[in-house]
C-alpha atoms as a PDB file:
ATOM      1  CA  UNK A   1     -51.111 -19.527  -0.638  1.00  0.00           C
ATOM      2  CA  UNK A   2     -51.340 -23.422   1.313  1.00  0.00           C
ATOM      3  CA  UNK A   3     -51.169 -26.814  -0.529  1.00  0.00           C
ATOM      4  CA  UNK A   4     -53.614 -29.311   0.771  1.00  0.00           C
ATOM      5  CA  UNK A   5     -52.877 -32.945   1.527  1.00  0.00           C
ATOM      6  CA  UNK A   6     -55.472 -35.000  -0.394  1.00  0.00           C
ATOM      7  CA  UNK A   7     -56.504 -38.587   0.379  1.00  0.00           C
ATOM      8  CA  UNK A   8     -53.832 -40.486  -1.621  1.00  0.00           C
ATOM      9  CA  UNK A   9     -55.943 -41.548  -4.460  1.00  0.00           C
ATOM     10  CA  UNK A  10     -56.698 -37.827  -5.275  1.00  0.00           C
ATOM     11  CA  UNK A  11     -52.935 -37.036  -5.156  1.00  0.00           C
ATOM     12  CA  UNK A  12     -50.824 -36.509  -8.361  1.00  0.00           C
ATOM     13  CA  UNK A  13     -48.191 -38.652  -7.156  1.00  0.00           C
ATOM     14  CA  UNK A  14     -44.702 -37.461  -6.182  1.00  0.00           C
ATOM     15  CA  UNK A  15     -41.411 -38.359  -3.927  1.00  0.00           C
ATOM     16  CA  UNK A  16     -40.125 -35.620  -1.498  1.00  0.00           C
ATOM     17  CA  UNK A  17     -36.053 -36.412  -1.576  1.00  0.00           C
ATOM     18  CA  UNK A  18     -35.705 -36.954   1.855  1.00  0.00           C
ATOM     19  CA  UNK A  19     -38.792 -39.225   3.141  1.00  0.00           C
ATOM     20  CA  UNK A  20     -37.693 -42.843   1.959  1.00  0.00           C
ATOM     21  CA  UNK A  21     -40.949 -42.610  -0.372  1.00  0.00           C
ATOM     22  CA  UNK A  22     -43.364 -40.260   1.998  1.00  0.00           C
ATOM     23  CA  UNK A  23     -45.953 -38.525  -0.560  1.00  0.00           C
ATOM     24  CA  UNK A  24     -45.330 -34.357   0.737  1.00  0.00           C
ATOM     25  CA  UNK A  25     -48.421 -31.444  -0.394  1.00  0.00           C
ATOM     26  CA  UNK A  26     -48.133 -31.443  -4.114  1.00  0.00           C
ATOM     27  CA  UNK A  27     -51.828 -29.998  -4.837  1.00  0.00           C
ATOM     28  CA  UNK A  28     -52.325 -26.328  -4.001  1.00  0.00           C
ATOM     29  CA  UNK A  29     -54.503 -23.848  -3.865  1.00  0.00           C
ATOM     30  CA  UNK A  30     -55.144 -20.582  -4.889  1.00  0.00           C
ATOM     31  CA  UNK A  31     -53.728 -17.466  -1.971  1.00  0.00           C
ATOM     32  CA  UNK A  32     -55.728 -17.002   1.151  1.00  0.00           C
ATOM     33  CA  UNK A  33     -56.610 -12.964   1.677  1.00  0.00           C
ATOM     34  CA  UNK A  34     -54.290 -11.966   4.859  1.00  0.00           C
ATOM     35  CA  UNK A  35     -56.597 -11.052   7.631  1.00  0.00           C
ATOM     36  CA  UNK A  36     -59.758 -10.077   6.075  1.00  0.00           C
ATOM     37  CA  UNK A  37     -63.904 -11.604   6.792  1.00  0.00           C
ATOM     38  CA  UNK A  38     -62.608 -12.824   3.527  1.00  0.00           C
ATOM     39  CA  UNK A  39     -59.655 -14.879   4.002  1.00  0.00           C
ATOM     40  CA  UNK A  40     -61.637 -16.659   7.637  1.00  0.00           C
ATOM     41  CA  UNK A  41     -64.426 -17.818   4.552  1.00  0.00           C
ATOM     42  CA  UNK A  42     -61.460 -19.310   2.139  1.00  0.00           C
ATOM     43  CA  UNK A  43     -60.095 -21.119   5.263  1.00  0.00           C
ATOM     44  CA  UNK A  44     -63.058 -22.557   6.019  1.00  0.00           C
ATOM     45  CA  UNK A  45     -64.776 -23.750   2.687  1.00  0.00           C
ATOM     46  CA  UNK A  46     -61.089 -25.120   1.369  1.00  0.00           C
ATOM     47  CA  UNK A  47     -59.227 -26.501   4.468  1.00  0.00           C
ATOM     48  CA  UNK A  48     -61.150 -26.507   7.575  1.00  0.00           C
ATOM     49  CA  UNK A  49     -64.290 -28.004   6.602  1.00  0.00           C
ATOM     50  CA  UNK A  50     -62.437 -30.501   4.085  1.00  0.00           C
ATOM     51  CA  UNK A  51     -60.807 -32.420   6.885  1.00  0.00           C
ATOM     52  CA  UNK A  52     -57.637 -32.938   5.378  1.00  0.00           C
ATOM     53  CA  UNK A  53     -54.149 -31.857   6.757  1.00  0.00           C
ATOM     54  CA  UNK A  54     -52.695 -28.391   5.005  1.00  0.00           C
ATOM     55  CA  UNK A  55     -49.410 -26.240   5.166  1.00  0.00           C
ATOM     56  CA  UNK A  56     -50.098 -22.013   4.795  1.00  0.00           C
ATOM     57  CA  UNK A  57     -46.813 -21.123   4.037  1.00  0.00           C
ATOM     58  CA  UNK A  58     -45.187 -17.749   4.708  1.00  0.00           C
ATOM     59  CA  UNK A  59     -46.293 -14.401   3.906  1.00  0.00           C
ATOM     60  CA  UNK A  60     -49.345 -12.322   4.198  1.00  0.00           C
ATOM     61  CA  UNK A  61     -51.742 -15.275   4.254  1.00  0.00           C
ATOM     62  CA  UNK A  62     -50.429 -17.273   7.158  1.00  0.00           C
ATOM     63  CA  UNK A  63     -51.822 -17.298  10.376  1.00  0.00           C
ATOM     64  CA  UNK A  64     -48.461 -17.437  11.797  1.00  0.00           C
ATOM     65  CA  UNK A  65     -47.698 -14.218  10.430  1.00  0.00           C
ATOM     66  CA  UNK A  66     -50.445 -12.003  12.596  1.00  0.00           C
ATOM     67  CA  UNK A  67     -48.103 -12.965  15.831  1.00  0.00           C
ATOM     68  CA  UNK A  68     -46.678 -10.603  17.551  1.00  0.00           C
ATOM     69  CA  UNK A  69     -44.184 -12.941  19.221  1.00  0.00           C
ATOM     70  CA  UNK A  70     -42.524 -14.000  15.654  1.00  0.00           C
ATOM     71  CA  UNK A  71     -41.040 -10.136  15.036  1.00  0.00           C
ATOM     72  CA  UNK A  72     -40.652  -9.185  18.929  1.00  0.00           C
ATOM     73  CA  UNK A  73     -39.437 -12.817  20.668  1.00  0.00           C
ATOM     74  CA  UNK A  74     -36.730 -13.912  18.869  1.00  0.00           C
ATOM     75  CA  UNK A  75     -33.141 -12.359  16.875  1.00  0.00           C
ATOM     76  CA  UNK A  76     -31.324 -13.068  14.107  1.00  0.00           C
ATOM     77  CA  UNK A  77     -28.028 -12.348  14.825  1.00  0.00           C
ATOM     78  CA  UNK A  78     -26.397 -15.618  15.496  1.00  0.00           C
ATOM     79  CA  UNK A  79     -23.155 -14.095  18.242  1.00  0.00           C
ATOM     80  CA  UNK A  80     -26.220 -13.094  20.721  1.00  0.00           C
ATOM     81  CA  UNK A  81     -29.120 -15.148  22.297  1.00  0.00           C
ATOM     82  CA  UNK A  82     -32.053 -16.506  20.097  1.00  0.00           C
ATOM     83  CA  UNK A  83     -34.446 -14.722  22.295  1.00  0.00           C
ATOM     84  CA  UNK A  84     -34.455 -10.209  22.593  1.00  0.00           C
ATOM     85  CA  UNK A  85     -34.762  -8.121  25.996  1.00  0.00           C
ATOM     86  CA  UNK A  86     -38.505  -8.316  25.719  1.00  0.00           C
ATOM     87  CA  UNK A  87     -38.897 -12.266  26.317  1.00  0.00           C
ATOM     88  CA  UNK A  88     -35.644 -12.487  28.676  1.00  0.00           C
ATOM     89  CA  UNK A  89     -37.252  -9.707  31.011  1.00  0.00           C
ATOM     90  CA  UNK A  90     -39.325 -12.705  32.575  1.00  0.00           C
ATOM     91  CA  UNK A  91     -36.011 -15.779  32.371  1.00  0.00           C
ATOM     92  CA  UNK A  92     -37.974 -15.351  36.191  1.00  0.00           C
ATOM     93  CA  UNK A  93     -40.875 -17.228  34.568  1.00  0.00           C
ATOM     94  CA  UNK A  94     -41.472 -20.446  36.081  1.00  0.00           C
ATOM     95  CA  UNK A  95     -42.008 -23.656  32.635  1.00  0.00           C
ATOM     96  CA  UNK A  96     -42.535 -26.431  32.679  1.00  0.00           C
ATOM     97  CA  UNK A  97     -39.881 -28.201  30.820  1.00  0.00           C
ATOM     98  CA  UNK A  98     -38.609 -32.081  29.545  1.00  0.00           C
ATOM     99  CA  UNK A  99     -34.788 -33.226  30.807  1.00  0.00           C
ATOM    100  CA  UNK A 100     -33.870 -36.419  27.551  1.00  0.00           C
ATOM    101  CA  UNK A 101     -30.322 -38.085  28.304  1.00  0.00           C
ATOM    102  CA  UNK A 102     -30.271 -41.307  27.013  1.00  0.00           C
ATOM    103  CA  UNK A 103     -26.768 -42.584  27.004  1.00  0.00           C
ATOM    104  CA  UNK A 104     -23.612 -42.817  29.910  1.00  0.00           C
ATOM    105  CA  UNK A 105     -21.903 -39.840  28.068  1.00  0.00           C
ATOM    106  CA  UNK A 106     -25.039 -36.952  27.588  1.00  0.00           C
ATOM    107  CA  UNK A 107     -25.255 -37.407  31.533  1.00  0.00           C
ATOM    108  CA  UNK A 108     -21.798 -37.017  31.620  1.00  0.00           C
ATOM    109  CA  UNK A 109     -22.277 -33.729  29.677  1.00  0.00           C
ATOM    110  CA  UNK A 110     -25.692 -32.953  31.815  1.00  0.00           C
ATOM    111  CA  UNK A 111     -22.952 -32.575  35.049  1.00  0.00           C
ATOM    112  CA  UNK A 112     -20.413 -30.045  33.507  1.00  0.00           C
ATOM    113  CA  UNK A 113     -23.360 -28.633  31.902  1.00  0.00           C
ATOM    114  CA  UNK A 114     -24.653 -27.947  36.639  1.00  0.00           C
ATOM    115  CA  UNK A 115     -21.213 -27.482  37.140  1.00  0.00           C
ATOM    116  CA  UNK A 116     -21.489 -24.666  34.907  1.00  0.00           C
ATOM    117  CA  UNK A 117     -24.591 -22.663  35.686  1.00  0.00           C
ATOM    118  CA  UNK A 118     -22.637 -23.745  39.284  1.00  0.00           C
ATOM    119  CA  UNK A 119     -20.166 -21.077  38.449  1.00  0.00           C
ATOM    120  CA  UNK A 120     -22.663 -18.515  37.193  1.00  0.00           C
ATOM    121  CA  UNK A 121     -22.350 -17.270  41.081  1.00  0.00           C
ATOM    122  CA  UNK A 122     -26.035 -16.099  40.226  1.00  0.00           C
ATOM    123  CA  UNK A 123     -27.886 -17.060  43.097  1.00  0.00           C
ATOM    124  CA  UNK A 124     -30.853 -18.426  40.783  1.00  0.00           C
ATOM    125  CA  UNK A 125     -28.756 -20.309  39.201  1.00  0.00           C
ATOM    126  CA  UNK A 126     -26.612 -21.905  41.735  1.00  0.00           C
ATOM    127  CA  UNK A 127     -30.499 -22.885  43.006  1.00  0.00           C
ATOM    128  CA  UNK A 128     -31.798 -24.065  39.729  1.00  0.00           C
ATOM    129  CA  UNK A 129     -28.795 -26.654  39.893  1.00  0.00           C
ATOM    130  CA  UNK A 130     -29.280 -27.775  43.374  1.00  0.00           C
ATOM    131  CA  UNK A 131     -32.881 -28.227  41.447  1.00  0.00           C
ATOM    132  CA  UNK A 132     -30.948 -30.428  38.784  1.00  0.00           C
ATOM    133  CA  UNK A 133     -28.342 -32.147  40.385  1.00  0.00           C
ATOM    134  CA  UNK A 134     -31.179 -34.214  43.029  1.00  0.00           C
ATOM    135  CA  UNK A 135     -32.739 -35.277  39.417  1.00  0.00           C
ATOM    136  CA  UNK A 136     -29.406 -36.848  38.659  1.00  0.00           C
ATOM    137  CA  UNK A 137     -28.758 -38.160  42.001  1.00  0.00           C
ATOM    138  CA  UNK A 138     -32.472 -39.997  40.999  1.00  0.00           C
ATOM    139  CA  UNK A 139     -34.033 -43.029  39.916  1.00  0.00           C
ATOM    140  CA  UNK A 140     -33.759 -43.912  36.151  1.00  0.00           C
ATOM    141  CA  UNK A 141     -30.600 -43.093  35.376  1.00  0.00           C
ATOM    142  CA  UNK A 142     -28.771 -43.435  32.118  1.00  0.00           C
ATOM    143  CA  UNK A 143     -31.693 -43.962  30.453  1.00  0.00           C
ATOM    144  CA  UNK A 144     -33.650 -40.562  31.927  1.00  0.00           C
ATOM    145  CA  UNK A 145     -37.341 -39.059  31.136  1.00  0.00           C
ATOM    146  CA  UNK A 146     -38.000 -36.060  33.612  1.00  0.00           C
ATOM    147  CA  UNK A 147     -40.304 -33.476  34.204  1.00  0.00           C
ATOM    148  CA  UNK A 148     -39.953 -30.072  35.909  1.00  0.00           C
ATOM    149  CA  UNK A 149     -40.761 -27.093  36.621  1.00  0.00           C
ATOM    150  CA  UNK A 150     -37.735 -24.018  36.198  1.00  0.00           C
ATOM    151  CA  UNK A 151     -37.258 -20.816  35.142  1.00  0.00           C
ATOM    152  CA  UNK A 152     -36.631 -19.767  31.944  1.00  0.00           C
ATOM    153  CA  UNK A 153     -33.617 -18.801  32.068  1.00  0.00           C
ATOM    154  CA  UNK A 154     -32.781 -22.956  32.368  1.00  0.00           C
ATOM    155  CA  UNK A 155     -33.346 -22.557  28.493  1.00  0.00           C
ATOM    156  CA  UNK A 156     -31.370 -19.613  28.497  1.00  0.00           C
ATOM    157  CA  UNK A 157     -28.767 -21.493  29.678  1.00  0.00           C
ATOM    158  CA  UNK A 158     -28.540 -24.580  27.931  1.00  0.00           C
ATOM    159  CA  UNK A 159     -28.752 -22.125  24.540  1.00  0.00           C
ATOM    160  CA  UNK A 160     -25.629 -20.296  25.824  1.00  0.00           C
ATOM    161  CA  UNK A 161     -23.239 -23.413  26.908  1.00  0.00           C
ATOM    162  CA  UNK A 162     -24.484 -25.006  23.412  1.00  0.00           C
ATOM    163  CA  UNK A 163     -22.830 -22.387  22.026  1.00  0.00           C
ATOM    164  CA  UNK A 164     -19.850 -22.639  23.805  1.00  0.00           C
ATOM    165  CA  UNK A 165     -19.126 -26.004  23.051  1.00  0.00           C
ATOM    166  CA  UNK A 166     -17.785 -25.741  19.981  1.00  0.00           C
ATOM    167  CA  UNK A 167     -17.090 -29.303  18.732  1.00  0.00           C
ATOM    168  CA  UNK A 168     -20.257 -30.378  16.181  1.00  0.00           C
ATOM    169  CA  UNK A 169     -20.312 -33.347  17.406  1.00  0.00           C
ATOM    170  CA  UNK A 170     -20.049 -33.032  21.270  1.00  0.00           C
ATOM    171  CA  UNK A 171     -22.998 -33.401  22.936  1.00  0.00           C
ATOM    172  CA  UNK A 172     -25.855 -31.118  24.286  1.00  0.00           C
ATOM    173  CA  UNK A 173     -28.138 -30.124  25.832  1.00  0.00           C
ATOM    174  CA  UNK A 174     -31.904 -30.944  25.350  1.00  0.00           C
ATOM    175  CA  UNK A 175     -34.544 -29.308  27.338  1.00  0.00           C
ATOM    176  CA  UNK A 176     -38.489 -29.090  26.184  1.00  0.00           C
ATOM    177  CA  UNK A 177     -40.784 -26.187  27.476  1.00  0.00           C
ATOM    178  CA  UNK A 178     -43.757 -28.900  25.890  1.00  0.00           C
ATOM    179  CA  UNK A 179     -47.178 -28.410  25.755  1.00  0.00           C
ATOM    180  CA  UNK A 180     -47.069 -25.267  28.403  1.00  0.00           C
ATOM    181  CA  UNK A 181     -50.323 -23.328  28.208  1.00  0.00           C
ATOM    182  CA  UNK A 182     -50.325 -19.766  26.747  1.00  0.00           C
ATOM    183  CA  UNK A 183     -52.385 -18.198  29.511  1.00  0.00           C
ATOM    184  CA  UNK A 184     -49.995 -19.418  31.892  1.00  0.00           C
ATOM    185  CA  UNK A 185     -47.753 -16.805  30.215  1.00  0.00           C
ATOM    186  CA  UNK A 186     -47.369 -13.491  31.488  1.00  0.00           C
ATOM    187  CA  UNK A 187     -50.184 -11.356  30.485  1.00  0.00           C
ATOM    188  CA  UNK A 188     -47.633  -9.091  27.795  1.00  0.00           C
ATOM    189  CA  UNK A 189     -46.125 -12.101  26.244  1.00  0.00           C
ATOM    190  CA  UNK A 190     -49.038 -13.826  26.386  1.00  0.00           C
ATOM    191  CA  UNK A 191     -50.433 -10.729  24.498  1.00  0.00           C
ATOM    192  CA  UNK A 192     -47.864 -11.785  21.504  1.00  0.00           C
ATOM    193  CA  UNK A 193     -49.802 -14.806  21.033  1.00  0.00           C
ATOM    194  CA  UNK A 194     -53.906 -13.887  20.225  1.00  0.00           C
ATOM    195  CA  UNK A 195     -54.949 -16.493  18.679  1.00  0.00           C
ATOM    196  CA  UNK A 196     -55.415 -16.034  14.641  1.00  0.00           C
ATOM    197  CA  UNK A 197     -58.756 -15.106  12.856  1.00  0.00           C
ATOM    198  CA  UNK A 198     -58.793 -18.492  11.272  1.00  0.00           C
ATOM    199  CA  UNK A 199     -59.059 -20.194  14.775  1.00  0.00           C
ATOM    200  CA  UNK A 200     -61.492 -18.015  15.763  1.00  0.00           C
ATOM    201  CA  UNK A 201     -63.877 -17.484  13.384  1.00  0.00           C
ATOM    202  CA  UNK A 202     -63.559 -20.598  11.256  1.00  0.00           C
ATOM    203  CA  UNK A 203     -65.632 -22.720  13.226  1.00  0.00           C
ATOM    204  CA  UNK A 204     -67.920 -22.496  16.664  1.00  0.00           C
ATOM    205  CA  UNK A 205     -64.587 -20.710  18.205  1.00  0.00           C
ATOM    206  CA  UNK A 206     -64.295 -22.472  21.242  1.00  0.00           C
ATOM    207  CA  UNK A 207     -60.156 -22.782  22.273  1.00  0.00           C
ATOM    208  CA  UNK A 208     -60.034 -26.311  23.977  1.00  0.00           C
ATOM    209  CA  UNK A 209     -56.173 -25.712  24.636  1.00  0.00           C
ATOM    210  CA  UNK A 210     -53.373 -23.469  22.946  1.00  0.00           C
ATOM    211  CA  UNK A 211     -49.585 -24.326  24.328  1.00  0.00           C
ATOM    212  CA  UNK A 212     -45.835 -22.515  23.063  1.00  0.00           C
ATOM    213  CA  UNK A 213     -43.057 -25.056  22.654  1.00  0.00           C
ATOM    214  CA  UNK A 214     -39.573 -23.815  23.295  1.00  0.00           C
ATOM    215  CA  UNK A 215     -36.434 -25.998  23.009  1.00  0.00           C
ATOM    216  CA  UNK A 216     -33.181 -27.001  22.207  1.00  0.00           C
ATOM    217  CA  UNK A 217     -32.192 -29.435  18.720  1.00  0.00           C
ATOM    218  CA  UNK A 218     -33.526 -31.990  18.983  1.00  0.00           C
ATOM    219  CA  UNK A 219     -36.877 -32.049  20.489  1.00  0.00           C
ATOM    220  CA  UNK A 220     -39.262 -34.729  19.388  1.00  0.00           C
ATOM    221  CA  UNK A 221     -42.592 -35.322  19.570  1.00  0.00           C
ATOM    222  CA  UNK A 222     -43.855 -39.109  19.077  1.00  0.00           C
ATOM    223  CA  UNK A 223     -46.588 -40.585  16.836  1.00  0.00           C
ATOM    224  CA  UNK A 224     -50.256 -39.785  17.940  1.00  0.00           C
ATOM    225  CA  UNK A 225     -53.288 -38.023  17.348  1.00  0.00           C
ATOM    226  CA  UNK A 226     -55.623 -35.069  19.014  1.00  0.00           C
ATOM    227  CA  UNK A 227     -58.589 -34.871  20.123  1.00  0.00           C
ATOM    228  CA  UNK A 228     -60.057 -31.755  18.496  1.00  0.00           C
ATOM    229  CA  UNK A 229     -58.801 -29.663  14.942  1.00  0.00           C
ATOM    230  CA  UNK A 230     -55.074 -27.992  15.940  1.00  0.00           C
ATOM    231  CA  UNK A 231     -53.237 -25.179  13.904  1.00  0.00           C
ATOM    232  CA  UNK A 232     -49.795 -25.139  14.087  1.00  0.00           C
ATOM    233  CA  UNK A 233     -47.489 -22.194  13.772  1.00  0.00           C
ATOM    234  CA  UNK A 234     -43.879 -22.752  12.919  1.00  0.00           C
ATOM    235  CA  UNK A 235     -42.201 -19.452  15.506  1.00  0.00           C
ATOM    236  CA  UNK A 236     -38.444 -20.438  15.095  1.00  0.00           C
ATOM    237  CA  UNK A 237     -36.649 -22.911  13.188  1.00  0.00           C
ATOM    238  CA  UNK A 238     -37.552 -26.153  11.186  1.00  0.00           C
ATOM    239  CA  UNK A 239     -40.008 -28.411  12.142  1.00  0.00           C
ATOM    240  CA  UNK A 240     -40.419 -32.008  10.080  1.00  0.00           C
ATOM    241  CA  UNK A 241     -43.351 -33.187  10.523  1.00  0.00           C
ATOM    242  CA  UNK A 242     -45.342 -36.459   9.434  1.00  0.00           C
ATOM    243  CA  UNK A 243     -49.396 -37.243   9.367  1.00  0.00           C
ATOM    244  CA  UNK A 244     -51.391 -40.098   8.513  1.00  0.00           C
ATOM    245  CA  UNK A 245     -55.318 -40.521   7.940  1.00  0.00           C
ATOM    246  CA  UNK A 246     -57.084 -41.509  11.001  1.00  0.00           C
ATOM    247  CA  UNK A 247     -57.435 -45.600  10.203  1.00  0.00           C
ATOM    248  CA  UNK A 248     -53.901 -45.912   8.721  1.00  0.00           C
ATOM    249  CA  UNK A 249     -52.153 -44.255  11.732  1.00  0.00           C
ATOM    250  CA  UNK A 250     -54.842 -46.748  14.271  1.00  0.00           C
ATOM    251  CA  UNK A 251     -53.294 -49.234  12.544  1.00  0.00           C
ATOM    252  CA  UNK A 252     -49.762 -48.617  12.707  1.00  0.00           C
ATOM    253  CA  UNK A 253     -50.378 -47.767  16.671  1.00  0.00           C
ATOM    254  CA  UNK A 254     -52.093 -50.696  17.921  1.00  0.00           C
ATOM    255  CA  UNK A 255     -49.288 -53.029  15.499  1.00  0.00           C
ATOM    256  CA  UNK A 256     -46.519 -51.310  17.436  1.00  0.00           C
ATOM    257  CA  UNK A 257     -48.865 -51.296  20.452  1.00  0.00           C
ATOM    258  CA  UNK A 258     -49.535 -55.435  19.676  1.00  0.00           C
ATOM    259  CA  UNK A 259     -45.274 -56.081  18.864  1.00  0.00           C
ATOM    260  CA  UNK A 260     -44.000 -54.369  22.228  1.00  0.00           C
ATOM    261  CA  UNK A 261     -46.727 -56.218  24.052  1.00  0.00           C
ATOM    262  CA  UNK A 262     -47.115 -52.544  25.405  1.00  0.00           C
ATOM    263  CA  UNK A 263     -51.342 -50.814  25.681  1.00  0.00           C
ATOM    264  CA  UNK A 264     -50.504 -46.904  25.607  1.00  0.00           C
ATOM    265  CA  UNK A 265     -53.336 -43.401  25.188  1.00  0.00           C
ATOM    266  CA  UNK A 266     -52.430 -41.726  21.712  1.00  0.00           C
ATOM    267  CA  UNK A 267     -53.940 -38.593  22.885  1.00  0.00           C
ATOM    268  CA  UNK A 268     -51.514 -37.471  25.988  1.00  0.00           C
ATOM    269  CA  UNK A 269     -47.192 -37.323  25.855  1.00  0.00           C
ATOM    270  CA  UNK A 270     -47.129 -38.883  28.645  1.00  0.00           C
ATOM    271  CA  UNK A 271     -43.878 -40.669  30.420  1.00  0.00           C
ATOM    272  CA  UNK A 272     -43.830 -43.535  28.643  1.00  0.00           C
ATOM    273  CA  UNK A 273     -44.726 -42.119  25.112  1.00  0.00           C
ATOM    274  CA  UNK A 274     -41.260 -39.888  25.689  1.00  0.00           C
ATOM    275  CA  UNK A 275     -39.092 -42.938  27.116  1.00  0.00           C
ATOM    276  CA  UNK A 276     -38.144 -46.685  26.651  1.00  0.00           C
ATOM    277  CA  UNK A 277     -39.965 -49.195  24.340  1.00  0.00           C
ATOM    278  CA  UNK A 278     -42.673 -47.495  23.171  1.00  0.00           C
ATOM    279  CA  UNK A 279     -40.679 -44.658  21.791  1.00  0.00           C
ATOM    280  CA  UNK A 280     -38.008 -46.235  20.143  1.00  0.00           C
ATOM    281  CA  UNK A 281     -40.698 -48.803  18.187  1.00  0.00           C
ATOM    282  CA  UNK A 282     -43.118 -45.637  17.445  1.00  0.00           C
ATOM    283  CA  UNK A 283     -40.130 -43.695  15.822  1.00  0.00           C
ATOM    284  CA  UNK A 284     -38.708 -46.677  13.703  1.00  0.00           C
ATOM    285  CA  UNK A 285     -42.191 -47.688  12.672  1.00  0.00           C
ATOM    286  CA  UNK A 286     -43.046 -43.868  11.265  1.00  0.00           C
ATOM    287  CA  UNK A 287     -39.071 -41.919  10.554  1.00  0.00           C
ATOM    288  CA  UNK A 288     -36.377 -45.316   9.722  1.00  0.00           C
ATOM    289  CA  UNK A 289     -38.934 -48.072   7.743  1.00  0.00           C
ATOM    290  CA  UNK A 290     -39.298 -48.390   4.321  1.00  0.00           C
ATOM    291  CA  UNK A 291     -42.739 -50.396   5.042  1.00  0.00           C
ATOM    292  CA  UNK A 292     -46.549 -48.461   4.948  1.00  0.00           C
ATOM    293  CA  UNK A 293     -44.297 -45.264   3.905  1.00  0.00           C
ATOM    294  CA  UNK A 294     -46.968 -44.709   1.344  1.00  0.00           C
ATOM    295  CA  UNK A 295     -49.450 -43.876   4.040  1.00  0.00           C
ATOM    296  CA  UNK A 296     -46.870 -41.285   5.555  1.00  0.00           C
ATOM    297  CA  UNK A 297     -47.235 -37.415   4.108  1.00  0.00           C
ATOM    298  CA  UNK A 298     -44.442 -35.501   5.186  1.00  0.00           C
ATOM    299  CA  UNK A 299     -43.871 -31.600   5.451  1.00  0.00           C
ATOM    300  CA  UNK A 300     -41.628 -29.254   6.655  1.00  0.00           C
ATOM    301  CA  UNK A 301     -43.205 -26.619   8.401  1.00  0.00           C
ATOM    302  CA  UNK A 302     -40.417 -23.560   8.289  1.00  0.00           C
ATOM    303  CA  UNK A 303     -40.354 -20.337  10.425  1.00  0.00           C
ATOM    304  CA  UNK A 304     -44.113 -18.413   9.035  1.00  0.00           C
ATOM    305  CA  UNK A 305     -45.590 -21.483   8.409  1.00  0.00           C
ATOM    306  CA  UNK A 306     -49.126 -22.289   9.483  1.00  0.00           C
ATOM    307  CA  UNK A 307     -50.195 -26.049  10.032  1.00  0.00           C
ATOM    308  CA  UNK A 308     -53.482 -27.271   9.852  1.00  0.00           C
ATOM    309  CA  UNK A 309     -54.151 -30.823  11.082  1.00  0.00           C
ATOM    310  CA  UNK A 310     -57.835 -32.075  11.232  1.00  0.00           C
ATOM    311  CA  UNK A 311     -59.532 -33.905  14.181  1.00  0.00           C
ATOM    312  CA  UNK A 312     -57.895 -37.822  14.542  1.00  0.00           C
ATOM    313  CA  UNK A 313     -54.863 -37.057  12.216  1.00  0.00           C
ATOM    314  CA  UNK A 314     -51.930 -39.357  13.650  1.00  0.00           C
ATOM    315  CA  UNK A 315     -48.871 -36.819  13.685  1.00  0.00           C
ATOM    316  CA  UNK A 316     -45.087 -36.855  15.178  1.00  0.00           C
ATOM    317  CA  UNK A 317     -42.740 -33.952  15.248  1.00  0.00           C
ATOM    318  CA  UNK A 318     -38.884 -33.324  15.430  1.00  0.00           C
ATOM    319  CA  UNK A 319     -37.010 -29.964  14.934  1.00  0.00           C
ATOM    320  CA  UNK A 320     -35.078 -29.844  11.760  1.00  0.00           C
ATOM    321  CA  UNK A 321     -31.354 -28.344  11.722  1.00  0.00           C
ATOM    322  CA  UNK A 322     -28.385 -28.436  14.343  1.00  0.00           C
ATOM    323  CA  UNK A 323     -27.892 -29.536  18.221  1.00  0.00           C
ATOM    324  CA  UNK A 324     -28.270 -26.788  20.700  1.00  0.00           C
ATOM    325  CA  UNK A 325     -30.088 -24.335  18.968  1.00  0.00           C
ATOM    326  CA  UNK A 326     -33.617 -22.625  19.691  1.00  0.00           C
ATOM    327  CA  UNK A 327     -36.419 -24.417  18.258  1.00  0.00           C
ATOM    328  CA  UNK A 328     -40.708 -22.561  18.921  1.00  0.00           C
ATOM    329  CA  UNK A 329     -43.989 -23.434  17.804  1.00  0.00           C
ATOM    330  CA  UNK A 330     -47.067 -22.542  19.020  1.00  0.00           C
ATOM    331  CA  UNK A 331     -50.257 -23.868  18.626  1.00  0.00           C
ATOM    332  CA  UNK A 332     -54.254 -24.686  18.772  1.00  0.00           C
ATOM    333  CA  UNK A 333     -56.420 -27.248  19.547  1.00  0.00           C
ATOM    334  CA  UNK A 334     -59.665 -25.483  17.948  1.00  0.00           C
ATOM    335  CA  UNK A 335     -63.255 -26.402  17.264  1.00  0.00           C
END
C-alpha cells in the first residue's frame, strides 16, 4: 500500500518515536495493484497528481519490487560480500565516487586501508591504492571531501576491509558512488533497473535523469530540492528521509545561509554542500535542532520501498544501520 504525507492541517497528529517531534506518515489509501494500467492510474490520481510525498511500501504494489536488481544484485548471506557474482562480473567498471575523511583518526585508518589494498598483490588494486595515496597527500586534510573515478572493486574492497575490523568502535571507510547515471552502467546492469511503469506512464513520460547510489554506511545527502518529481527506490539497507514543504524548506535554507554568511545552490550536489560550514549548519538545523520540527516530515525507506518526492519538496537523506555496511538505492527524476 502507499501512505501519503498530507499538509499539516490534514494530518492526524502522530509522532515518530525517534524524530524529536517530526510528524510521520499517518494517512493511508487503498493498495495500488501490480504494474498494470490500473496501477498507473491509481499512482497518477492518488500520488503523482496531488503533489504530496508518498511512501509505497514493499510488496507487489511497490515499483521497487519491479526492479530486477533487487533479486539479482545483492546477497543476504552476511558471511559473504553483499554483491552477487552477477554484479562482481563488472568489478572493473568505473564509477564516480565521493570520499569523506573528517578527522585525523579517519585519515590514519584510510592509510591502513590503502596499505591493505596494496598488499593484495593485484595490479589493479595497487593502481587504485596509488591513486588514493595521491589524494591523501594533497591539500585539504584532515577535513576532506573529494570526488574521483575508480572501479567498483574499490567499494567491494572497502566493504571487505570494514568487515575485518571487528571492533564496533572502529573507524570505517566511507565511500559513496553517488548520483551515478544509470545510463553509464554496463548494459546488463542497466536492464536490471528499467524505469518503473509509474515513471514512464503517470506523467508525460519524460525522464529528466536517473541515478544509482551505492556506498558504505554512513551515507548522507544534505538538505536540497529537485527541479523535477523524484521516485526514490531503496534496494539494500535502509535510509531515513526528512522532507519539508517547498516554502518551509526555502525559509530554513535561507536562514542557514544567512547564519553562516554563505550563498549556495540548493539544486546541485556540490562540494560546498557536502563539507564545511554549510553541511554542518544544515545537518544541525534539520536532524538535531528542536526548532521548526513541526514542519519536517520523517520516514524510513526500507528495502523494496519506494518514496515519491514531488517537485520542489526539500529533503535530506542518510543511511540507517551499522557503519561500514552496504547501502544501495536508485532513483528517477521525471515529468
